[in-house]
Amino acid sequence: MESATNSADYIDSLQLLSTYWQPQVKYFAATGDTSAATALAARMAAMIQTLYPNFWPETIRGLLVHSAAWTEEMLRGINLWKDKKSAIANLLRIYGFGVPDLTRARWCAGNVLTLIVQTSLQPYTQEGIDIKTNELHLHELPWPRDVLMDLGETEVEMRVTLSYFIEPSPGRRGWNNKFRYASHGLRFETKTGIETIAEFRRRINKVARQEIEVYKGTASDSSEWLLGADLRSRGSIHSDYWRGTAVALAEKGHIAVFPVSGWWRERKHLKRWDRKARYSLIVTIKTPSEEFNIYTPVANLVLV
């Protein structure tokens, strides 16, 4: 049996070289695990921030997750699009969203298009003596619809990441739920190909107005997503993949961001219900080959 000190976790060539905390003893030491990962993540975040100084912290964090991918070793024995959601849940529990990539975080190739929205909404408002959900945002994405339609049945991929920060609960208990921790929650949904914009808005409005304790998704295309609405809704950063035909993607084109419950709404006496919540929405669409240029039509459309 291999001893712990001889395991791969302790091989210097697999660690990071850093300064030692007692320079009078030695100058350098190998480090790994969480300490090394934190340093690498901070370095990558700083490099993105330097390149894009107007990006919010919500966006920087979102890009770290949005750029991440699972390696072949992580995916060994897993078929992403055919296995049950429980297999994906275990993958997330062990590896998160995979290994972030600086190139993917800062670069748009001709066949990879990334759109970023930085904005805020007010999740709740007061109606009489009650605190209710307040507003949702409906984002129209400038897809190159004609290009996607020309691709026909070609398989394309869309990834959506929603990033925001919450205010932790000032006490141990929420108003209705003793485990309530987040001040607010945000979720995203995309328009299905068979919905009109009015039908999509009514569907999301209904969900937001239900003021549900735990978001369980809607009668949407959640089954076409890798994680699905329930699995991706944990925490305060939500990322998911959709895969389908280019024609189907051309008919989507709208993403709603809307609030769900939090202690800002439940604990009215703390008077946080009228606060604004910032968020970053990151959307990438990818075609299978560089011969299908989707970046240029959108760049022309938005005058980049």
C-alpha atoms as a PDB file:
ATOM      1  CA  MET A   1       0.000   0.000   0.000  1.00  0.00           C
ATOM      2  CA  GLU A   2       1.429   3.381  -1.026  1.00  0.00           C
ATOM      3  CA  SER A   3       2.009   5.768   1.844  1.00  0.00           C
ATOM      4  CA  ALA A   4       0.361   9.173   1.845  1.00  0.00           C
ATOM      5  CA  THR A   5       3.660  10.974   1.540  1.00  0.00           C
ATOM      6  CA  ASN A   6       4.402   9.130  -1.698  1.00  0.00           C
ATOM      7  CA  SER A   7       0.996   9.695  -3.297  1.00  0.00           C
ATOM      8  CA  ALA A   8       0.517  11.950  -6.311  1.00  0.00           C
ATOM      9  CA  ASP A   9      -0.781  14.709  -4.047  1.00  0.00           C
ATOM     10  CA  TYR A  10       2.706  15.131  -2.618  1.00  0.00           C
ATOM     11  CA  ILE A  11       4.844  14.900  -5.756  1.00  0.00           C
ATOM     12  CA  ASP A  12       6.636  18.252  -6.077  1.00  0.00           C
ATOM     13  CA  SER A  13       6.441  18.235  -9.873  1.00  0.00           C
ATOM     14  CA  LEU A  14       2.637  18.370  -9.591  1.00  0.00           C
ATOM     15  CA  GLN A  15       2.661  21.251  -7.110  1.00  0.00           C
ATOM     16  CA  LEU A  16       3.161  25.008  -7.401  1.00  0.00           C
ATOM     17  CA  LEU A  17       6.422  26.599  -6.335  1.00  0.00           C
ATOM     18  CA  SER A  18       5.881  29.500  -3.960  1.00  0.00           C
ATOM     19  CA  THR A  19       7.728  31.508  -1.332  1.00  0.00           C
ATOM     20  CA  TYR A  20       7.997  29.929   2.102  1.00  0.00           C
ATOM     21  CA  TRP A  21       6.437  31.657   5.087  1.00  0.00           C
ATOM     22  CA  GLN A  22       9.713  31.485   7.051  1.00  0.00           C
ATOM     23  CA  PRO A  23      12.419  32.813   4.692  1.00  0.00           C
ATOM     24  CA  GLN A  24      15.078  32.375   7.365  1.00  0.00           C
ATOM     25  CA  VAL A  25      14.440  28.623   7.138  1.00  0.00           C
ATOM     26  CA  LYS A  26      14.125  28.334   3.347  1.00  0.00           C
ATOM     27  CA  TYR A  27      13.097  30.539   0.476  1.00  0.00           C
ATOM     28  CA  PHE A  28      10.704  28.338  -1.475  1.00  0.00           C
ATOM     29  CA  ALA A  29       8.235  25.521  -0.902  1.00  0.00           C
ATOM     30  CA  ALA A  30       5.852  23.414  -2.970  1.00  0.00           C
ATOM     31  CA  THR A  31       2.165  23.990  -2.373  1.00  0.00           C
ATOM     32  CA  GLY A  32      -1.027  22.465  -3.711  1.00  0.00           C
ATOM     33  CA  ASP A  33      -4.696  21.760  -3.061  1.00  0.00           C
ATOM     34  CA  THR A  34      -6.968  24.669  -2.082  1.00  0.00           C
ATOM     35  CA  SER A  35      -4.155  27.124  -1.390  1.00  0.00           C
ATOM     36  CA  ALA A  36      -2.669  26.711  -4.847  1.00  0.00           C
ATOM     37  CA  ALA A  37      -6.072  26.704  -6.540  1.00  0.00           C
ATOM     38  CA  THR A  38      -7.009  29.958  -4.814  1.00  0.00           C
ATOM     39  CA  ALA A  39      -3.816  31.630  -6.016  1.00  0.00           C
ATOM     40  CA  LEU A  40      -4.329  30.443  -9.590  1.00  0.00           C
ATOM     41  CA  ALA A  41      -7.974  31.562  -9.611  1.00  0.00           C
ATOM     42  CA  ALA A  42      -7.024  34.982  -8.226  1.00  0.00           C
ATOM     43  CA  ARG A  43      -4.317  35.322 -10.900  1.00  0.00           C
ATOM     44  CA  MET A  44      -6.737  34.447 -13.673  1.00  0.00           C
ATOM     45  CA  ALA A  45      -9.344  36.859 -12.318  1.00  0.00           C
ATOM     46  CA  ALA A  46      -6.747  39.642 -12.152  1.00  0.00           C
ATOM     47  CA  MET A  47      -5.674  39.010 -15.755  1.00  0.00           C
ATOM     48  CA  ILE A  48      -9.274  39.197 -16.984  1.00  0.00           C
ATOM     49  CA  GLN A  49      -9.871  42.357 -14.960  1.00  0.00           C
ATOM     50  CA  THR A  50      -6.747  43.954 -16.445  1.00  0.00           C
ATOM     51  CA  LEU A  51      -7.895  43.137 -19.955  1.00  0.00           C
ATOM     52  CA  TYR A  52     -11.476  44.307 -19.308  1.00  0.00           C
ATOM     53  CA  PRO A  53     -11.338  46.965 -16.551  1.00  0.00           C
ATOM     54  CA  ASN A  54     -15.062  47.734 -16.869  1.00  0.00           C
ATOM     55  CA  PHE A  55     -16.125  44.211 -15.970  1.00  0.00           C
ATOM     56  CA  TRP A  56     -17.893  43.854 -12.636  1.00  0.00           C
ATOM     57  CA  PRO A  57     -16.753  41.303 -10.035  1.00  0.00           C
ATOM     58  CA  GLU A  58     -19.957  39.410 -10.855  1.00  0.00           C
ATOM     59  CA  THR A  59     -18.759  39.152 -14.455  1.00  0.00           C
ATOM     60  CA  ILE A  60     -15.205  38.118 -13.566  1.00  0.00           C
ATOM     61  CA  ARG A  61     -16.501  35.318 -11.363  1.00  0.00           C
ATOM     62  CA  GLY A  62     -19.013  34.365 -14.040  1.00  0.00           C
ATOM     63  CA  LEU A  63     -16.270  34.113 -16.666  1.00  0.00           C
ATOM     64  CA  LEU A  64     -14.174  31.851 -14.442  1.00  0.00           C
ATOM     65  CA  VAL A  65     -17.070  29.394 -14.313  1.00  0.00           C
ATOM     66  CA  HIS A  66     -18.216  30.015 -17.884  1.00  0.00           C
ATOM     67  CA  SER A  67     -14.760  29.198 -19.249  1.00  0.00           C
ATOM     68  CA  ALA A  68     -14.427  25.994 -17.238  1.00  0.00           C
ATOM     69  CA  ALA A  69     -14.660  22.562 -18.837  1.00  0.00           C
ATOM     70  CA  TRP A  70     -14.342  18.992 -17.593  1.00  0.00           C
ATOM     71  CA  THR A  71     -11.242  17.090 -18.635  1.00  0.00           C
ATOM     72  CA  GLU A  72     -11.283  13.612 -20.179  1.00  0.00           C
ATOM     73  CA  GLU A  73     -10.172  12.145 -16.852  1.00  0.00           C
ATOM     74  CA  MET A  74     -13.025  13.857 -15.025  1.00  0.00           C
ATOM     75  CA  LEU A  75     -15.498  12.541 -17.587  1.00  0.00           C
ATOM     76  CA  ARG A  76     -14.196   8.968 -17.577  1.00  0.00           C
ATOM     77  CA  GLY A  77     -17.194   6.638 -17.512  1.00  0.00           C
ATOM     78  CA  ILE A  78     -19.695   9.495 -17.938  1.00  0.00           C
ATOM     79  CA  ASN A  79     -21.787  10.246 -21.011  1.00  0.00           C
ATOM     80  CA  LEU A  80     -22.818  13.859 -20.441  1.00  0.00           C
ATOM     81  CA  TRP A  81     -25.893  13.940 -22.638  1.00  0.00           C
ATOM     82  CA  LYS A  82     -27.148  10.414 -22.018  1.00  0.00           C
ATOM     83  CA  ASP A  83     -26.534   9.688 -18.332  1.00  0.00           C
ATOM     84  CA  LYS A  84     -29.084  10.501 -15.664  1.00  0.00           C
ATOM     85  CA  LYS A  85     -29.054  13.849 -13.879  1.00  0.00           C
ATOM     86  CA  SER A  86     -27.716  12.087 -10.770  1.00  0.00           C
ATOM     87  CA  ALA A  87     -24.465  11.370 -12.636  1.00  0.00           C
ATOM     88  CA  ILE A  88     -24.146  15.056 -13.556  1.00  0.00           C
ATOM     89  CA  ALA A  89     -24.888  16.017  -9.952  1.00  0.00           C
ATOM     90  CA  ASN A  90     -22.032  13.784  -8.755  1.00  0.00           C
ATOM     91  CA  LEU A  91     -19.734  15.296 -11.370  1.00  0.00           C
ATOM     92  CA  LEU A  92     -20.537  18.791 -10.079  1.00  0.00           C
ATOM     93  CA  ARG A  93     -20.091  17.698  -6.491  1.00  0.00           C
ATOM     94  CA  ILE A  94     -16.607  16.342  -7.167  1.00  0.00           C
ATOM     95  CA  TYR A  95     -15.185  18.700  -9.810  1.00  0.00           C
ATOM     96  CA  GLY A  96     -17.484  21.703  -9.968  1.00  0.00           C
ATOM     97  CA  PHE A  97     -17.644  22.948 -13.548  1.00  0.00           C
ATOM     98  CA  GLY A  98     -14.158  21.690 -14.355  1.00  0.00           C
ATOM     99  CA  VAL A  99     -10.940  23.539 -15.168  1.00  0.00           C
ATOM    100  CA  PRO A 100     -11.172  27.274 -16.021  1.00  0.00           C
ATOM    101  CA  ASP A 101      -9.395  28.383 -19.164  1.00  0.00           C
ATOM    102  CA  LEU A 102      -8.028  31.899 -19.587  1.00  0.00           C
ATOM    103  CA  THR A 103      -8.142  31.722 -23.382  1.00  0.00           C
ATOM    104  CA  ARG A 104     -11.808  30.756 -23.391  1.00  0.00           C
ATOM    105  CA  ALA A 105     -12.564  33.457 -20.829  1.00  0.00           C
ATOM    106  CA  ARG A 106     -11.166  36.306 -22.912  1.00  0.00           C
ATOM    107  CA  TRP A 107     -11.377  35.226 -26.547  1.00  0.00           C
ATOM    108  CA  CYS A 108     -14.156  34.991 -29.160  1.00  0.00           C
ATOM    109  CA  ALA A 109     -13.241  32.961 -32.233  1.00  0.00           C
ATOM    110  CA  GLY A 110     -15.192  33.138 -35.445  1.00  0.00           C
ATOM    111  CA  ASN A 111     -17.275  30.121 -34.495  1.00  0.00           C
ATOM    112  CA  VAL A 112     -17.643  31.061 -30.805  1.00  0.00           C
ATOM    113  CA  LEU A 113     -19.737  34.060 -29.823  1.00  0.00           C
ATOM    114  CA  THR A 114     -19.993  35.342 -26.245  1.00  0.00           C
ATOM    115  CA  LEU A 115     -22.393  38.067 -25.112  1.00  0.00           C
ATOM    116  CA  ILE A 116     -22.192  39.696 -21.680  1.00  0.00           C
ATOM    117  CA  VAL A 117     -24.892  41.740 -19.931  1.00  0.00           C
ATOM    118  CA  GLN A 118     -24.153  43.684 -16.728  1.00  0.00           C
ATOM    119  CA  THR A 119     -27.233  45.178 -15.108  1.00  0.00           C
ATOM    120  CA  SER A 120     -29.388  45.186 -11.971  1.00  0.00           C
ATOM    121  CA  LEU A 121     -32.988  44.722 -10.939  1.00  0.00           C
ATOM    122  CA  GLN A 122     -35.021  45.267  -7.785  1.00  0.00           C
ATOM    123  CA  PRO A 123     -36.237  41.796  -6.781  1.00  0.00           C
ATOM    124  CA  TYR A 124     -38.989  42.860  -4.370  1.00  0.00           C
ATOM    125  CA  THR A 125     -41.411  45.687  -3.726  1.00  0.00           C
ATOM    126  CA  GLN A 126     -44.009  46.569  -1.101  1.00  0.00           C
ATOM    127  CA  GLU A 127     -47.699  46.210  -1.884  1.00  0.00           C
ATOM    128  CA  GLY A 128     -49.746  47.342   1.098  1.00  0.00           C
ATOM    129  CA  ILE A 129     -48.325  45.492   4.091  1.00  0.00           C
ATOM    130  CA  ASP A 130     -46.861  42.678   2.002  1.00  0.00           C
ATOM    131  CA  ILE A 131     -43.523  42.328   0.219  1.00  0.00           C
ATOM    132  CA  LYS A 132     -43.923  40.899  -3.264  1.00  0.00           C
ATOM    133  CA  THR A 133     -41.648  39.992  -6.132  1.00  0.00           C
ATOM    134  CA  ASN A 134     -41.139  43.069  -8.250  1.00  0.00           C
ATOM    135  CA  GLU A 135     -39.568  42.790 -11.698  1.00  0.00           C
ATOM    136  CA  LEU A 136     -38.009  40.479 -14.216  1.00  0.00           C
ATOM    137  CA  HIS A 137     -35.731  41.237 -17.148  1.00  0.00           C
ATOM    138  CA  LEU A 138     -36.295  39.900 -20.631  1.00  0.00           C
ATOM    139  CA  HIS A 139     -33.116  39.987 -22.703  1.00  0.00           C
ATOM    140  CA  GLU A 140     -33.305  39.782 -26.473  1.00  0.00           C
ATOM    141  CA  LEU A 141     -30.127  38.200 -27.771  1.00  0.00           C
ATOM    142  CA  PRO A 142     -28.835  39.352 -31.160  1.00  0.00           C
ATOM    143  CA  TRP A 143     -28.473  35.901 -32.641  1.00  0.00           C
ATOM    144  CA  PRO A 144     -27.449  35.854 -36.321  1.00  0.00           C
ATOM    145  CA  ARG A 145     -30.794  34.188 -37.082  1.00  0.00           C
ATOM    146  CA  ASP A 146     -30.226  33.941 -40.833  1.00  0.00           C
ATOM    147  CA  VAL A 147     -26.847  32.275 -40.282  1.00  0.00           C
ATOM    148  CA  LEU A 148     -28.344  29.797 -37.827  1.00  0.00           C
ATOM    149  CA  MET A 149     -31.236  29.044 -40.158  1.00  0.00           C
ATOM    150  CA  ASP A 150     -28.751  28.374 -42.979  1.00  0.00           C
ATOM    151  CA  LEU A 151     -27.037  25.823 -40.725  1.00  0.00           C
ATOM    152  CA  GLY A 152     -30.321  23.899 -40.564  1.00  0.00           C
ATOM    153  CA  GLU A 153     -29.997  20.653 -38.602  1.00  0.00           C
ATOM    154  CA  THR A 154     -26.354  21.262 -37.684  1.00  0.00           C
ATOM    155  CA  GLU A 155     -25.823  20.658 -33.982  1.00  0.00           C
ATOM    156  CA  VAL A 156     -24.886  23.793 -32.026  1.00  0.00           C
ATOM    157  CA  GLU A 157     -24.324  24.499 -28.352  1.00  0.00           C
ATOM    158  CA  MET A 158     -25.370  27.346 -26.093  1.00  0.00           C
ATOM    159  CA  ARG A 159     -24.051  27.974 -22.599  1.00  0.00           C
ATOM    160  CA  VAL A 160     -25.644  30.416 -20.173  1.00  0.00           C
ATOM    161  CA  THR A 161     -24.099  31.601 -16.894  1.00  0.00           C
ATOM    162  CA  LEU A 162     -25.877  33.879 -14.424  1.00  0.00           C
ATOM    163  CA  SER A 163     -23.640  35.349 -11.709  1.00  0.00           C
ATOM    164  CA  TYR A 164     -24.626  37.541  -8.750  1.00  0.00           C
ATOM    165  CA  PHE A 165     -23.698  38.049  -5.103  1.00  0.00           C
ATOM    166  CA  ILE A 166     -26.076  37.635  -2.183  1.00  0.00           C
ATOM    167  CA  GLU A 167     -26.137  39.280   1.239  1.00  0.00           C
ATOM    168  CA  PRO A 168     -25.860  36.575   3.918  1.00  0.00           C
ATOM    169  CA  SER A 169     -28.588  36.386   6.529  1.00  0.00           C
ATOM    170  CA  PRO A 170     -27.759  38.508   9.606  1.00  0.00           C
ATOM    171  CA  GLY A 171     -29.259  35.852  11.873  1.00  0.00           C
ATOM    172  CA  ARG A 172     -29.496  32.099  12.060  1.00  0.00           C
ATOM    173  CA  ARG A 173     -33.052  31.919  10.773  1.00  0.00           C
ATOM    174  CA  GLY A 174     -35.063  33.196   7.872  1.00  0.00           C
ATOM    175  CA  TRP A 175     -38.658  34.327   8.260  1.00  0.00           C
ATOM    176  CA  ASN A 176     -40.377  31.233   6.865  1.00  0.00           C
ATOM    177  CA  ASN A 177     -37.425  28.916   6.495  1.00  0.00           C
ATOM    178  CA  LYS A 178     -34.903  28.411   9.282  1.00  0.00           C
ATOM    179  CA  PHE A 179     -32.270  27.526   6.689  1.00  0.00           C
ATOM    180  CA  ARG A 180     -32.745  30.693   4.607  1.00  0.00           C
ATOM    181  CA  TYR A 181     -29.309  32.201   3.999  1.00  0.00           C
ATOM    182  CA  ALA A 182     -29.480  34.207   0.786  1.00  0.00           C
ATOM    183  CA  SER A 183     -30.914  37.715   0.656  1.00  0.00           C
ATOM    184  CA  HIS A 184     -32.421  36.942  -2.736  1.00  0.00           C
ATOM    185  CA  GLY A 185     -32.185  34.468  -5.547  1.00  0.00           C
ATOM    186  CA  LEU A 186     -32.156  34.950  -9.299  1.00  0.00           C
ATOM    187  CA  ARG A 187     -32.904  32.385 -11.988  1.00  0.00           C
ATOM    188  CA  PHE A 188     -32.848  32.286 -15.778  1.00  0.00           C
ATOM    189  CA  GLU A 189     -35.083  30.647 -18.363  1.00  0.00           C
ATOM    190  CA  THR A 190     -34.953  30.719 -22.156  1.00  0.00           C
ATOM    191  CA  LYS A 191     -37.863  31.025 -24.543  1.00  0.00           C
ATOM    192  CA  THR A 192     -38.814  27.744 -26.151  1.00  0.00           C
ATOM    193  CA  GLY A 193     -39.096  27.442 -29.908  1.00  0.00           C
ATOM    194  CA  ILE A 194     -42.875  27.015 -29.782  1.00  0.00           C
ATOM    195  CA  GLU A 195     -43.615  30.009 -27.529  1.00  0.00           C
ATOM    196  CA  THR A 196     -44.383  33.539 -28.582  1.00  0.00           C
ATOM    197  CA  ILE A 197     -42.645  36.274 -26.625  1.00  0.00           C
ATOM    198  CA  ALA A 198     -45.969  37.121 -24.931  1.00  0.00           C
ATOM    199  CA  GLU A 199     -46.455  33.472 -23.879  1.00  0.00           C
ATOM    200  CA  PHE A 200     -42.902  33.309 -22.580  1.00  0.00           C
ATOM    201  CA  ARG A 201     -43.381  36.479 -20.534  1.00  0.00           C
ATOM    202  CA  ARG A 202     -46.633  35.158 -19.045  1.00  0.00           C
ATOM    203  CA  ARG A 203     -44.953  31.869 -18.086  1.00  0.00           C
ATOM    204  CA  ILE A 204     -42.067  33.580 -16.291  1.00  0.00           C
ATOM    205  CA  ASN A 205     -44.368  36.138 -14.658  1.00  0.00           C
ATOM    206  CA  LYS A 206     -46.428  33.287 -13.228  1.00  0.00           C
ATOM    207  CA  VAL A 207     -43.338  31.651 -11.732  1.00  0.00           C
ATOM    208  CA  ALA A 208     -42.072  34.915 -10.238  1.00  0.00           C
ATOM    209  CA  ARG A 209     -45.464  35.774  -8.760  1.00  0.00           C
ATOM    210  CA  GLN A 210     -45.783  32.398  -7.059  1.00  0.00           C
ATOM    211  CA  GLU A 211     -43.002  33.535  -4.699  1.00  0.00           C
ATOM    212  CA  ILE A 212     -41.902  29.966  -4.286  1.00  0.00           C
ATOM    213  CA  GLU A 213     -39.589  28.746  -1.554  1.00  0.00           C
ATOM    214  CA  VAL A 214     -37.563  26.518  -3.865  1.00  0.00           C
ATOM    215  CA  TYR A 215     -37.497  26.986  -7.615  1.00  0.00           C
ATOM    216  CA  LYS A 216     -38.569  23.802  -9.392  1.00  0.00           C
ATOM    217  CA  GLY A 217     -38.368  24.976 -12.965  1.00  0.00           C
ATOM    218  CA  THR A 218     -41.228  25.610 -15.343  1.00  0.00           C
ATOM    219  CA  ALA A 219     -42.991  23.814 -18.156  1.00  0.00           C
ATOM    220  CA  SER A 220     -40.107  24.735 -20.415  1.00  0.00           C
ATOM    221  CA  ASP A 221     -37.306  23.078 -22.367  1.00  0.00           C
ATOM    222  CA  SER A 222     -35.465  22.210 -19.145  1.00  0.00           C
ATOM    223  CA  SER A 223     -35.062  18.597 -20.264  1.00  0.00           C
ATOM    224  CA  GLU A 224     -32.938  19.787 -23.217  1.00  0.00           C
ATOM    225  CA  TRP A 225     -30.343  21.287 -20.857  1.00  0.00           C
ATOM    226  CA  LEU A 226     -27.432  19.347 -19.424  1.00  0.00           C
ATOM    227  CA  LEU A 227     -28.165  20.239 -15.796  1.00  0.00           C
ATOM    228  CA  GLY A 228     -31.778  21.372 -15.982  1.00  0.00           C
ATOM    229  CA  ALA A 229     -33.503  24.075 -13.959  1.00  0.00           C
ATOM    230  CA  ASP A 230     -33.497  22.225 -10.629  1.00  0.00           C
ATOM    231  CA  LEU A 231     -29.831  21.180 -10.586  1.00  0.00           C
ATOM    232  CA  ARG A 232     -28.419  24.467 -11.867  1.00  0.00           C
ATOM    233  CA  SER A 233     -30.347  26.591  -9.344  1.00  0.00           C
ATOM    234  CA  ARG A 234     -28.034  25.936  -6.378  1.00  0.00           C
ATOM    235  CA  GLY A 235     -25.920  28.748  -4.964  1.00  0.00           C
ATOM    236  CA  SER A 236     -25.595  32.201  -6.513  1.00  0.00           C
ATOM    237  CA  ILE A 237     -23.952  31.317  -9.795  1.00  0.00           C
ATOM    238  CA  HIS A 238     -25.942  29.260 -12.279  1.00  0.00           C
ATOM    239  CA  SER A 239     -24.430  27.774 -15.419  1.00  0.00           C
ATOM    240  CA  ASP A 240     -25.874  25.299 -17.898  1.00  0.00           C
ATOM    241  CA  TYR A 241     -25.493  23.942 -21.425  1.00  0.00           C
ATOM    242  CA  TRP A 242     -28.133  23.553 -24.122  1.00  0.00           C
ATOM    243  CA  ARG A 243     -27.492  21.473 -27.228  1.00  0.00           C
ATOM    244  CA  GLY A 244     -29.712  21.192 -30.276  1.00  0.00           C
ATOM    245  CA  THR A 245     -30.076  22.126 -33.923  1.00  0.00           C
ATOM    246  CA  ALA A 246     -29.186  25.556 -35.253  1.00  0.00           C
ATOM    247  CA  VAL A 247     -32.796  25.998 -36.392  1.00  0.00           C
ATOM    248  CA  ALA A 248     -34.055  25.338 -32.867  1.00  0.00           C
ATOM    249  CA  LEU A 249     -31.564  27.819 -31.416  1.00  0.00           C
ATOM    250  CA  ALA A 250     -32.641  30.463 -33.926  1.00  0.00           C
ATOM    251  CA  GLU A 251     -36.162  30.312 -32.462  1.00  0.00           C
ATOM    252  CA  LYS A 252     -35.031  30.858 -28.864  1.00  0.00           C
ATOM    253  CA  GLY A 253     -33.363  34.262 -28.757  1.00  0.00           C
ATOM    254  CA  HIS A 254     -34.826  35.521 -25.445  1.00  0.00           C
ATOM    255  CA  ILE A 255     -33.604  34.890 -21.904  1.00  0.00           C
ATOM    256  CA  ALA A 256     -35.526  35.939 -18.790  1.00  0.00           C
ATOM    257  CA  VAL A 257     -33.814  36.726 -15.476  1.00  0.00           C
ATOM    258  CA  PHE A 258     -36.221  36.803 -12.537  1.00  0.00           C
ATOM    259  CA  PRO A 259     -36.180  36.705  -8.711  1.00  0.00           C
ATOM    260  CA  VAL A 260     -37.166  33.960  -6.314  1.00  0.00           C
ATOM    261  CA  SER A 261     -37.552  34.208  -2.558  1.00  0.00           C
ATOM    262  CA  GLY A 262     -34.928  35.391  -0.056  1.00  0.00           C
ATOM    263  CA  TRP A 263     -34.734  36.991   3.363  1.00  0.00           C
ATOM    264  CA  TRP A 264     -34.922  40.501   1.897  1.00  0.00           C
ATOM    265  CA  ARG A 265     -38.562  39.672   1.181  1.00  0.00           C
ATOM    266  CA  GLU A 266     -39.283  37.437   4.170  1.00  0.00           C
ATOM    267  CA  ARG A 267     -37.796  39.648   6.891  1.00  0.00           C
ATOM    268  CA  LYS A 268     -39.634  42.875   6.238  1.00  0.00           C
ATOM    269  CA  HIS A 269     -38.595  44.452   9.559  1.00  0.00           C
ATOM    270  CA  LEU A 270     -34.961  44.600   8.355  1.00  0.00           C
ATOM    271  CA  LYS A 271     -36.038  46.953   5.529  1.00  0.00           C
ATOM    272  CA  ARG A 272     -33.902  45.458   2.784  1.00  0.00           C
ATOM    273  CA  TRP A 273     -36.776  44.704   0.424  1.00  0.00           C
ATOM    274  CA  ASP A 274     -36.167  47.798  -1.737  1.00  0.00           C
ATOM    275  CA  ARG A 275     -32.523  47.053  -2.493  1.00  0.00           C
ATOM    276  CA  LYS A 276     -31.203  46.533  -6.016  1.00  0.00           C
ATOM    277  CA  ALA A 277     -29.450  43.328  -7.063  1.00  0.00           C
ATOM    278  CA  ARG A 278     -26.664  43.391  -9.638  1.00  0.00           C
ATOM    279  CA  TYR A 279     -26.056  40.468 -11.934  1.00  0.00           C
ATOM    280  CA  SER A 280     -24.017  39.430 -14.942  1.00  0.00           C
ATOM    281  CA  LEU A 281     -25.498  37.276 -17.692  1.00  0.00           C
ATOM    282  CA  ILE A 282     -23.007  35.504 -19.976  1.00  0.00           C
ATOM    283  CA  VAL A 283     -24.196  33.632 -23.063  1.00  0.00           C
ATOM    284  CA  THR A 284     -22.063  31.708 -25.546  1.00  0.00           C
ATOM    285  CA  ILE A 285     -23.136  29.979 -28.728  1.00  0.00           C
ATOM    286  CA  LYS A 286     -20.770  27.662 -30.532  1.00  0.00           C
ATOM    287  CA  THR A 287     -20.930  26.107 -33.976  1.00  0.00           C
ATOM    288  CA  PRO A 288     -18.980  22.981 -34.900  1.00  0.00           C
ATOM    289  CA  SER A 289     -16.581  24.548 -37.392  1.00  0.00           C
ATOM    290  CA  GLU A 290     -14.845  27.819 -38.127  1.00  0.00           C
ATOM    291  CA  GLU A 291     -16.345  27.763 -41.603  1.00  0.00           C
ATOM    292  CA  PHE A 292     -19.588  28.939 -39.968  1.00  0.00           C
ATOM    293  CA  ASN A 293     -18.789  32.496 -38.886  1.00  0.00           C
ATOM    294  CA  ILE A 294     -21.331  33.724 -36.328  1.00  0.00           C
ATOM    295  CA  TYR A 295     -19.212  36.414 -34.701  1.00  0.00           C
ATOM    296  CA  THR A 296     -19.013  38.856 -37.610  1.00  0.00           C
ATOM    297  CA  PRO A 297     -22.796  39.152 -38.233  1.00  0.00           C
ATOM    298  CA  VAL A 298     -23.418  39.969 -34.563  1.00  0.00           C
ATOM    299  CA  ALA A 299     -20.473  42.362 -34.424  1.00  0.00           C
ATOM    300  CA  ASN A 300     -21.934  44.226 -37.390  1.00  0.00           C
ATOM    301  CA  LEU A 301     -25.375  44.199 -35.809  1.00  0.00           C
ATOM    302  CA  VAL A 302     -24.273  45.741 -32.489  1.00  0.00           C
ATOM    303  CA  LEU A 303     -21.552  47.892 -34.117  1.00  0.00           C
ATOM    304  CA  VAL A 304     -18.701  46.386 -32.152  1.00  0.00           C
END
